[in-house]
Amino acid sequence: MSKQTVELLEAFEALPDEERRVFTVEVLRRAVPYDSGPMEDEELARAADDLFAVLDAEESVRS
């Protein structure tokens, strides 16, 4: 990962939640269609675990 990418990610992490959401929408809207090919089961399971952890954290904040 390049130094510029690391700096962008660090700046992204420093944004308030709403700005991170807006930024993410814009990045995805502008991204070139990309086919990463088939994912391994381990990758899918890790992605699902990460997603559920984020959703659980958001739910905890709202409760």
N, C-alpha and C. Protein backbone atom coordinates (compact mmCIF):
# COMPACT_ATOMS: atom_id res chain seq x y z
N MET A 1 0.87 -1.16 0.00
CA MET A 1 0.00 0.00 0.00
C MET A 1 0.91 1.23 0.00
N SER A 2 0.57 2.18 -0.83
CA SER A 2 1.41 3.37 -0.93
C SER A 2 1.22 4.29 0.27
N LYS A 3 2.18 5.19 0.46
CA LYS A 3 2.11 6.17 1.54
C LYS A 3 0.87 7.05 1.37
N GLN A 4 0.56 7.43 0.14
CA GLN A 4 -0.62 8.26 -0.13
C GLN A 4 -1.90 7.54 0.27
N THR A 5 -1.99 6.26 -0.02
CA THR A 5 -3.18 5.49 0.34
C THR A 5 -3.32 5.42 1.85
N VAL A 6 -2.23 5.17 2.55
CA VAL A 6 -2.26 5.12 4.01
C VAL A 6 -2.73 6.46 4.57
N GLU A 7 -2.22 7.57 4.01
CA GLU A 7 -2.62 8.90 4.48
C GLU A 7 -4.11 9.15 4.23
N LEU A 8 -4.61 8.73 3.07
CA LEU A 8 -6.03 8.88 2.78
C LEU A 8 -6.88 8.08 3.76
N LEU A 9 -6.47 6.86 4.04
CA LEU A 9 -7.22 6.04 4.98
C LEU A 9 -7.21 6.63 6.39
N GLU A 10 -6.08 7.17 6.80
CA GLU A 10 -6.00 7.80 8.12
C GLU A 10 -6.89 9.04 8.18
N ALA A 11 -6.90 9.83 7.10
CA ALA A 11 -7.77 11.01 7.06
C ALA A 11 -9.24 10.59 7.08
N PHE A 12 -9.56 9.53 6.36
CA PHE A 12 -10.93 9.01 6.35
C PHE A 12 -11.35 8.60 7.76
N GLU A 13 -10.49 7.89 8.47
CA GLU A 13 -10.81 7.42 9.82
C GLU A 13 -11.04 8.59 10.77
N ALA A 14 -10.43 9.74 10.50
CA ALA A 14 -10.57 10.90 11.38
C ALA A 14 -11.87 11.67 11.14
N LEU A 15 -12.58 11.36 10.06
CA LEU A 15 -13.82 12.07 9.74
C LEU A 15 -14.95 11.67 10.68
N PRO A 16 -15.89 12.59 10.91
CA PRO A 16 -17.11 12.22 11.65
C PRO A 16 -17.88 11.16 10.85
N ASP A 17 -18.71 10.38 11.55
CA ASP A 17 -19.42 9.28 10.91
C ASP A 17 -20.21 9.69 9.66
N GLU A 18 -20.93 10.80 9.73
CA GLU A 18 -21.74 11.22 8.58
C GLU A 18 -20.85 11.56 7.38
N GLU A 19 -19.73 12.23 7.62
CA GLU A 19 -18.81 12.55 6.52
C GLU A 19 -18.19 11.29 5.94
N ARG A 20 -17.91 10.30 6.78
CA ARG A 20 -17.38 9.04 6.28
C ARG A 20 -18.40 8.36 5.37
N ARG A 21 -19.67 8.42 5.75
CA ARG A 21 -20.73 7.82 4.93
C ARG A 21 -20.80 8.52 3.57
N VAL A 22 -20.80 9.86 3.59
CA VAL A 22 -20.88 10.63 2.34
C VAL A 22 -19.67 10.35 1.47
N PHE A 23 -18.50 10.32 2.07
CA PHE A 23 -17.27 10.05 1.32
C PHE A 23 -17.32 8.66 0.68
N THR A 24 -17.76 7.68 1.46
CA THR A 24 -17.84 6.31 0.95
C THR A 24 -18.77 6.22 -0.25
N VAL A 25 -19.92 6.86 -0.16
CA VAL A 25 -20.87 6.86 -1.27
C VAL A 25 -20.20 7.45 -2.52
N GLU A 26 -19.50 8.56 -2.36
CA GLU A 26 -18.85 9.21 -3.51
C GLU A 26 -17.74 8.35 -4.10
N VAL A 27 -16.95 7.72 -3.27
CA VAL A 27 -15.87 6.86 -3.78
C VAL A 27 -16.47 5.69 -4.55
N LEU A 28 -17.49 5.06 -3.99
CA LEU A 28 -18.10 3.93 -4.69
C LEU A 28 -18.78 4.36 -5.98
N ARG A 29 -19.38 5.54 -5.98
CA ARG A 29 -20.04 6.04 -7.19
C ARG A 29 -19.02 6.27 -8.31
N ARG A 30 -17.84 6.70 -7.94
CA ARG A 30 -16.81 7.03 -8.93
C ARG A 30 -15.91 5.86 -9.31
N ALA A 31 -15.98 4.78 -8.55
CA ALA A 31 -15.09 3.64 -8.78
C ALA A 31 -15.38 2.99 -10.13
N VAL A 32 -14.33 2.57 -10.76
CA VAL A 32 -14.45 1.86 -12.02
C VAL A 32 -15.00 0.47 -11.71
N PRO A 33 -15.93 -0.04 -12.51
CA PRO A 33 -16.40 -1.41 -12.25
C PRO A 33 -15.20 -2.36 -12.17
N TYR A 34 -15.21 -3.19 -11.17
CA TYR A 34 -14.07 -4.06 -10.90
C TYR A 34 -14.56 -5.46 -10.55
N ASP A 35 -14.06 -6.43 -11.26
CA ASP A 35 -14.40 -7.82 -10.96
C ASP A 35 -13.18 -8.46 -10.31
N SER A 36 -13.30 -8.70 -9.02
CA SER A 36 -12.17 -9.27 -8.29
C SER A 36 -12.08 -10.78 -8.46
N GLY A 37 -13.05 -11.35 -9.17
CA GLY A 37 -13.05 -12.79 -9.33
C GLY A 37 -13.71 -13.45 -8.13
N PRO A 38 -13.77 -14.75 -8.14
CA PRO A 38 -14.43 -15.45 -7.04
C PRO A 38 -13.67 -15.26 -5.72
N MET A 39 -14.44 -15.19 -4.64
CA MET A 39 -13.84 -15.04 -3.32
C MET A 39 -13.78 -16.39 -2.64
N GLU A 40 -12.75 -16.59 -1.85
CA GLU A 40 -12.61 -17.82 -1.07
C GLU A 40 -13.60 -17.78 0.09
N ASP A 41 -14.01 -18.94 0.55
CA ASP A 41 -14.94 -19.02 1.68
C ASP A 41 -14.43 -18.27 2.90
N GLU A 42 -13.12 -18.36 3.15
CA GLU A 42 -12.52 -17.68 4.31
C GLU A 42 -12.68 -16.16 4.17
N GLU A 43 -12.48 -15.64 2.97
CA GLU A 43 -12.63 -14.20 2.74
C GLU A 43 -14.08 -13.77 2.97
N LEU A 44 -15.02 -14.55 2.47
CA LEU A 44 -16.44 -14.24 2.66
C LEU A 44 -16.82 -14.26 4.13
N ALA A 45 -16.34 -15.26 4.85
CA ALA A 45 -16.66 -15.38 6.27
C ALA A 45 -16.07 -14.21 7.04
N ARG A 46 -14.84 -13.81 6.72
CA ARG A 46 -14.21 -12.67 7.40
C ARG A 46 -14.97 -11.39 7.10
N ALA A 47 -15.38 -11.19 5.86
CA ALA A 47 -16.15 -10.00 5.49
C ALA A 47 -17.48 -9.97 6.22
N ALA A 48 -18.14 -11.11 6.32
CA ALA A 48 -19.42 -11.18 7.04
C ALA A 48 -19.22 -10.88 8.52
N ASP A 49 -18.17 -11.43 9.12
CA ASP A 49 -17.88 -11.16 10.53
C ASP A 49 -17.63 -9.67 10.76
N ASP A 50 -16.86 -9.05 9.86
CA ASP A 50 -16.58 -7.61 9.98
C ASP A 50 -17.86 -6.79 9.86
N LEU A 51 -18.69 -7.15 8.90
CA LEU A 51 -19.95 -6.42 8.70
C LEU A 51 -20.85 -6.54 9.92
N PHE A 52 -21.00 -7.75 10.44
CA PHE A 52 -21.86 -7.94 11.61
C PHE A 52 -21.31 -7.20 12.83
N ALA A 53 -19.99 -7.13 12.97
CA ALA A 53 -19.39 -6.38 14.09
C ALA A 53 -19.72 -4.90 13.98
N VAL A 54 -19.64 -4.35 12.77
CA VAL A 54 -20.00 -2.94 12.57
C VAL A 54 -21.47 -2.71 12.87
N LEU A 55 -22.33 -3.59 12.37
CA LEU A 55 -23.76 -3.44 12.61
C LEU A 55 -24.09 -3.57 14.09
N ASP A 56 -23.45 -4.50 14.78
CA ASP A 56 -23.68 -4.64 16.22
C ASP A 56 -23.24 -3.39 16.97
N ALA A 57 -22.09 -2.83 16.58
CA ALA A 57 -21.60 -1.61 17.23
C ALA A 57 -22.56 -0.45 17.01
N GLU A 58 -23.07 -0.31 15.79
CA GLU A 58 -24.03 0.75 15.49
C GLU A 58 -25.30 0.56 16.30
N GLU A 59 -25.76 -0.67 16.41
CA GLU A 59 -26.98 -0.94 17.16
C GLU A 59 -26.78 -0.63 18.65
N SER A 60 -25.61 -0.93 19.17
CA SER A 60 -25.30 -0.66 20.57
C SER A 60 -25.32 0.85 20.85
N VAL A 61 -24.83 1.64 19.91
CA VAL A 61 -24.79 3.09 20.06
C VAL A 61 -26.20 3.65 20.07
N ARG A 62 -27.06 3.09 19.25
CA ARG A 62 -28.44 3.58 19.13
C ARG A 62 -29.31 3.17 20.32
N SER A 63 -28.93 2.10 21.01
CA SER A 63 -29.76 1.59 22.13
C SER A 63 -29.54 2.37 23.39
